[in-house]
Amino acid sequence: MLPGEDDRRDAVKAILSSGQRELVAELERLDGGARFGRGRVRLLEDGDVFERAGVCVTSADDSDFFTSGLSVVLHPRNPWVPAFRAAFRYCESGDAWWFEGAAELLPCYGFAEDATHFHRVLKNYCDTLDPAFHAQAKRAADDRFRLPHRAEPHGIGGIAFDHLSPSGPHGWRRGAAFTAAGIATIAPAYLPIVRRRRDLPHGERERQWQLHRRGRFVESALFHAASAPRADAEAVLTALPPLVRWDAGFAPEPGSPEAELASFLVPRDWAGETAAVVG
């Protein structure tokens, strides 16, 4: 039998709070001494590794709709380290319930081994639900994580799913367990990449390119917030990078590492790539 309404909601809140606590602890260890604030919106500012990092739990409960979710946005200091964002959410409306999830990697510079690692970890996670699920979730991410007004992807994708409501007598528990596993997958999918790139030397050129790429992130965040009627304004604003720039008509120098990013962002089967992966 399915848990009762209150039991379901309490169970979800426990999953999200535990996931937030464990991920914050991992990020604090990685950043060596940097500390997140307390509360449902936990924010790290000006760390050695992360210029801004947010791990936020939000909930909304009105007469006909309930939702609670965890959102994660990580803006690294070093331009060679990709940014990251993810969100996992549970929703109820009337007698219907479902789970949602998404994760994506947003590099300034392309490294095949990072992309392969990220997508393989996500595929392994998706396979725990259904071997066919990853292809669907990746395709949904490739479709969603684009800037429609620019007709370009803003990262290398990842996974995205909506209205996941597994059938059967234990369907709700399967969905809840899959959500908990998704939150737990963030660290192994992303943190090895951070460790691999965080100490690479960089200068003003790389920094300015990073700020330009963050402009795309802001465009994407505001576009998706505008299309989500129940978007949490505080979570959206705290997810934005601390520094960003826009340059009208800007184009990177042809043949430069910056110019190569455009072709790197084109969707492909990264999980099937043979690039060496360093864990």
Protein backbone atom coordinates (compact mmCIF):
# COMPACT_ATOMS: atom_id res chain seq x y z
CA MET A 1 0.00 0.00 0.00
CA LEU A 2 1.05 3.58 -0.59
CA PRO A 3 1.93 5.71 2.44
CA GLY A 4 -0.74 8.20 3.50
CA GLU A 5 -0.56 11.80 2.31
CA ASP A 6 1.15 13.13 5.43
CA ASP A 7 3.52 10.17 5.53
CA ARG A 8 4.51 10.75 1.90
CA ARG A 9 5.19 14.42 2.46
CA ASP A 10 7.16 13.81 5.64
CA ALA A 11 9.19 11.10 3.91
CA VAL A 12 10.04 13.42 1.02
CA LYS A 13 11.04 16.23 3.36
CA ALA A 14 13.32 13.82 5.22
CA ILE A 15 14.94 12.67 1.94
CA LEU A 16 15.56 16.27 0.87
CA SER A 17 16.89 17.41 4.24
CA SER A 18 19.22 14.44 4.46
CA GLY A 19 20.40 14.97 0.87
CA GLN A 20 21.04 18.65 1.54
CA ARG A 21 22.98 17.91 4.72
CA GLU A 22 25.17 15.23 3.12
CA LEU A 23 25.91 17.22 -0.04
CA VAL A 24 26.77 20.36 1.95
CA ALA A 25 29.21 18.32 4.05
CA GLU A 26 30.87 16.96 0.88
CA LEU A 27 31.21 20.42 -0.63
CA GLU A 28 32.61 21.90 2.57
CA ARG A 29 35.24 19.17 2.73
CA LEU A 30 36.16 19.81 -0.89
CA ASP A 31 36.42 23.57 -0.38
CA GLY A 32 38.61 23.22 2.71
CA GLY A 33 37.30 25.47 5.42
CA ALA A 34 34.51 27.23 3.51
CA ARG A 35 31.17 26.97 5.26
CA PHE A 36 27.57 27.16 4.12
CA GLY A 37 25.01 29.21 5.99
CA ARG A 38 22.20 27.54 7.87
CA GLY A 39 18.54 27.10 6.99
CA ARG A 40 16.61 25.85 3.99
CA VAL A 41 18.60 28.09 1.63
CA ARG A 42 22.19 27.13 2.32
CA LEU A 43 24.68 29.36 0.56
CA LEU A 44 28.48 29.33 0.37
CA GLU A 45 30.17 32.54 -0.78
CA ASP A 46 33.76 33.29 -1.79
CA GLY A 47 35.29 29.89 -1.11
CA ASP A 48 38.64 28.73 -2.45
CA VAL A 49 36.92 26.35 -4.90
CA PHE A 50 33.41 27.76 -5.24
CA GLU A 51 32.76 31.43 -5.77
CA ARG A 52 29.13 30.72 -4.97
CA ALA A 53 27.34 27.48 -4.17
CA GLY A 54 23.73 27.01 -3.23
CA VAL A 55 21.99 23.90 -1.91
CA CYS A 56 18.38 24.85 -1.23
CA VAL A 57 15.28 23.02 -0.02
CA THR A 58 11.97 24.64 -0.92
CA SER A 59 8.35 23.69 -0.30
CA ALA A 60 4.93 25.00 -1.25
CA ASP A 61 1.63 23.74 0.14
CA ASP A 62 -1.71 25.23 -0.77
CA SER A 63 -5.23 23.87 -0.98
CA ASP A 64 -4.77 21.91 -4.20
CA PHE A 65 -1.04 21.52 -4.73
CA PHE A 66 2.01 20.41 -2.75
CA THR A 67 5.61 20.42 -3.86
CA SER A 68 8.97 20.10 -2.17
CA GLY A 69 12.37 19.95 -3.80
CA LEU A 70 16.11 20.32 -3.58
CA SER A 71 17.98 22.62 -5.97
CA VAL A 72 21.75 22.75 -6.34
CA VAL A 73 23.78 25.36 -8.22
CA LEU A 74 27.59 25.44 -8.09
CA HIS A 75 29.69 28.25 -9.55
CA PRO A 76 33.40 27.35 -9.35
CA ARG A 77 36.14 29.94 -9.09
CA ASN A 78 38.50 28.33 -11.61
CA PRO A 79 37.26 28.75 -15.23
CA TRP A 80 38.55 25.27 -16.10
CA VAL A 81 36.04 23.75 -13.65
CA PRO A 82 32.53 23.48 -15.13
CA ALA A 83 29.54 24.91 -13.34
CA PHE A 84 26.78 22.53 -12.29
CA ARG A 85 23.12 22.59 -11.44
CA ALA A 86 20.52 20.03 -10.45
CA ALA A 87 17.02 19.86 -9.03
CA PHE A 88 14.94 17.02 -7.63
CA ARG A 89 11.30 17.56 -6.71
CA TYR A 90 8.14 15.82 -5.53
CA CYS A 91 4.66 17.10 -6.43
CA GLU A 92 1.05 16.30 -5.51
CA SER A 93 -2.10 17.68 -7.11
CA GLY A 94 -5.39 16.18 -6.02
CA ASP A 95 -4.96 12.41 -6.10
CA ALA A 96 -1.99 12.58 -8.49
CA TRP A 97 1.65 12.48 -7.42
CA TRP A 98 4.91 12.49 -9.34
CA PHE A 99 8.66 13.06 -9.11
CA GLU A 100 10.86 15.34 -11.20
CA GLY A 101 14.61 15.60 -11.62
CA ALA A 102 17.31 17.25 -13.67
CA ALA A 103 21.10 17.64 -13.69
CA GLU A 104 23.44 19.35 -16.13
CA LEU A 105 27.10 20.27 -16.55
CA LEU A 106 28.05 23.72 -17.86
CA PRO A 107 31.71 23.93 -18.91
CA CYS A 108 33.63 26.95 -20.17
CA TYR A 109 36.19 24.64 -21.77
CA GLY A 110 35.55 21.17 -23.13
CA PHE A 111 37.20 18.03 -21.76
CA ALA A 112 35.96 14.76 -23.21
CA GLU A 113 36.95 12.73 -20.14
CA ASP A 114 34.89 15.02 -17.91
CA ALA A 115 31.83 14.78 -20.15
CA THR A 116 32.16 11.01 -20.45
CA HIS A 117 32.53 10.58 -16.70
CA PHE A 118 29.53 12.81 -15.94
CA HIS A 119 27.19 11.10 -18.38
CA ARG A 120 28.29 7.57 -17.44
CA VAL A 121 27.58 8.20 -13.77
CA LEU A 122 24.14 9.55 -14.65
CA LYS A 123 23.45 6.59 -16.92
CA ASN A 124 24.36 4.15 -14.16
CA TYR A 125 21.94 5.99 -11.89
CA CYS A 126 19.14 5.90 -14.47
CA ASP A 127 19.70 2.20 -15.12
CA THR A 128 18.68 1.44 -11.52
CA LEU A 129 15.13 2.40 -12.50
CA ASP A 130 14.98 1.03 -16.04
CA PRO A 131 17.68 0.33 -18.66
CA ALA A 132 15.66 2.34 -21.18
CA PHE A 133 15.24 5.36 -18.92
CA HIS A 134 18.58 7.08 -19.53
CA ALA A 135 18.01 7.55 -23.25
CA GLN A 136 14.69 9.24 -22.52
CA ALA A 137 16.11 11.43 -19.74
CA LYS A 138 19.13 12.47 -21.78
CA ARG A 139 17.01 13.36 -24.80
CA ALA A 140 14.72 15.43 -22.56
CA ALA A 141 17.77 17.24 -21.13
CA ASP A 142 19.18 17.96 -24.59
CA ASP A 143 15.81 19.45 -25.55
CA ARG A 144 15.37 21.44 -22.33
CA PHE A 145 18.84 22.79 -21.65
CA ARG A 146 18.94 25.15 -24.59
CA LEU A 147 18.61 28.89 -25.06
CA PRO A 148 15.70 29.07 -27.49
CA HIS A 149 16.33 32.71 -28.39
CA ARG A 150 19.92 31.81 -29.34
CA ALA A 151 19.27 28.29 -30.67
CA GLU A 152 22.24 26.95 -28.73
CA PRO A 153 22.82 24.56 -25.83
CA HIS A 154 24.16 26.16 -22.67
CA GLY A 155 25.98 23.06 -21.41
CA ILE A 156 26.64 19.45 -22.28
CA GLY A 157 23.26 18.32 -21.01
CA GLY A 158 22.69 15.57 -18.50
CA ILE A 159 19.28 14.19 -17.56
CA ALA A 160 15.78 15.57 -17.09
CA PHE A 161 12.49 13.91 -16.24
CA ASP A 162 9.01 15.10 -15.30
CA HIS A 163 5.88 13.35 -14.04
CA LEU A 164 7.68 10.20 -12.98
CA SER A 165 5.08 8.06 -11.19
CA PRO A 166 6.11 4.39 -11.24
CA SER A 167 3.20 1.98 -11.34
CA GLY A 168 2.49 -0.94 -9.03
CA PRO A 169 1.88 -1.29 -5.31
CA HIS A 170 5.36 -0.01 -4.48
CA GLY A 171 5.50 2.66 -7.18
CA TRP A 172 5.66 5.62 -4.82
CA ARG A 173 8.49 4.05 -2.83
CA ARG A 174 10.38 3.32 -6.06
CA GLY A 175 10.02 6.95 -7.10
CA ALA A 176 11.12 8.22 -3.71
CA ALA A 177 14.13 5.89 -3.65
CA PHE A 178 15.09 6.97 -7.17
CA THR A 179 14.95 10.61 -6.08
CA ALA A 180 17.12 9.93 -3.03
CA ALA A 181 19.60 8.08 -5.24
CA GLY A 182 19.64 11.00 -7.69
CA ILE A 183 20.63 13.44 -4.95
CA ALA A 184 23.32 11.00 -3.79
CA THR A 185 24.62 10.77 -7.38
CA ILE A 186 25.51 14.47 -7.53
CA ALA A 187 28.79 14.06 -5.65
CA PRO A 188 30.24 11.13 -7.66
CA ALA A 189 29.09 12.70 -10.95
CA TYR A 190 30.56 16.14 -10.37
CA LEU A 191 33.17 16.29 -7.61
CA PRO A 192 35.84 14.14 -9.36
CA ILE A 193 35.75 16.67 -12.21
CA VAL A 194 36.24 19.53 -9.75
CA ARG A 195 39.25 17.82 -8.19
CA ARG A 196 40.74 17.19 -11.62
CA ARG A 197 40.50 20.84 -12.79
CA ARG A 198 40.50 23.11 -9.74
CA ASP A 199 44.27 23.72 -9.67
CA LEU A 200 44.82 24.32 -13.38
CA PRO A 201 46.47 27.72 -13.95
CA HIS A 202 44.36 30.43 -15.51
CA GLY A 203 44.57 34.13 -16.26
CA GLU A 204 42.45 37.12 -17.20
CA ARG A 205 41.52 35.68 -20.59
CA GLU A 206 40.01 32.55 -19.06
CA ARG A 207 38.30 34.61 -16.34
CA GLN A 208 36.64 36.93 -18.84
CA TRP A 209 35.43 33.95 -20.86
CA GLN A 210 34.00 32.42 -17.70
CA LEU A 211 32.09 35.63 -16.95
CA HIS A 212 30.77 35.66 -20.52
CA ARG A 213 29.59 32.04 -20.20
CA ARG A 214 27.91 32.91 -16.91
CA GLY A 215 25.84 35.37 -18.89
CA ARG A 216 24.36 32.43 -20.74
CA PHE A 217 23.65 30.76 -17.39
CA VAL A 218 21.73 33.81 -16.18
CA GLU A 219 19.72 33.94 -19.41
CA SER A 220 18.80 30.29 -18.99
CA ALA A 221 17.91 30.64 -15.29
CA LEU A 222 15.65 33.63 -15.89
CA PHE A 223 14.02 32.04 -18.94
CA HIS A 224 13.11 28.87 -17.03
CA ALA A 225 11.96 30.84 -13.97
CA ALA A 226 9.65 32.92 -16.15
CA SER A 227 8.06 29.76 -17.55
CA ALA A 228 7.58 28.16 -14.10
CA PRO A 229 4.55 29.71 -12.37
CA ARG A 230 5.54 28.36 -8.94
CA ALA A 231 9.24 29.23 -9.16
CA ASP A 232 10.76 30.18 -5.80
CA ALA A 233 12.16 33.70 -6.33
CA GLU A 234 14.69 33.42 -3.50
CA ALA A 235 16.07 30.13 -4.81
CA VAL A 236 16.30 31.55 -8.35
CA LEU A 237 18.17 34.67 -7.26
CA THR A 238 20.59 32.90 -4.93
CA ALA A 239 21.44 30.51 -7.78
CA LEU A 240 22.80 33.31 -9.96
CA PRO A 241 26.58 33.73 -10.20
CA PRO A 242 28.12 36.59 -8.18
CA LEU A 243 29.84 38.13 -11.22
CA VAL A 244 28.82 38.00 -14.87
CA ARG A 245 29.21 39.97 -18.10
CA TRP A 246 27.44 40.47 -21.42
CA ASP A 247 29.10 41.78 -24.57
CA ALA A 248 26.90 42.65 -27.53
CA GLY A 249 28.02 40.79 -30.62
CA PHE A 250 30.89 39.07 -28.81
CA ALA A 251 32.50 36.12 -30.60
CA PRO A 252 35.61 34.23 -29.48
CA GLU A 253 38.70 34.26 -31.65
CA PRO A 254 38.43 31.61 -34.41
CA GLY A 255 40.47 28.51 -33.63
CA SER A 256 40.81 29.40 -29.95
CA PRO A 257 39.91 27.04 -27.07
CA GLU A 258 36.98 29.35 -26.38
CA ALA A 259 35.69 29.03 -29.95
CA GLU A 260 35.97 25.24 -29.77
CA LEU A 261 33.37 25.12 -27.01
CA ALA A 262 30.48 25.58 -29.45
CA SER A 263 31.17 22.26 -31.18
CA PHE A 264 31.83 20.57 -27.84
CA LEU A 265 28.35 21.50 -26.60
CA VAL A 266 26.56 19.78 -29.50
CA PRO A 267 24.60 16.84 -27.99
CA ARG A 268 26.21 13.42 -28.41
CA ASP A 269 26.29 10.03 -26.75
CA TRP A 270 28.88 10.86 -24.12
CA ALA A 271 28.07 7.77 -22.04
CA GLY A 272 29.06 5.62 -25.01
CA GLU A 273 32.33 7.45 -25.65
CA THR A 274 35.64 5.63 -25.20
CA ALA A 275 37.59 8.57 -23.71
CA ALA A 276 39.69 7.56 -20.74
CA VAL A 277 37.94 8.44 -17.50
CA VAL A 278 39.92 9.37 -14.41
CA GLY A 279 37.91 9.01 -11.19
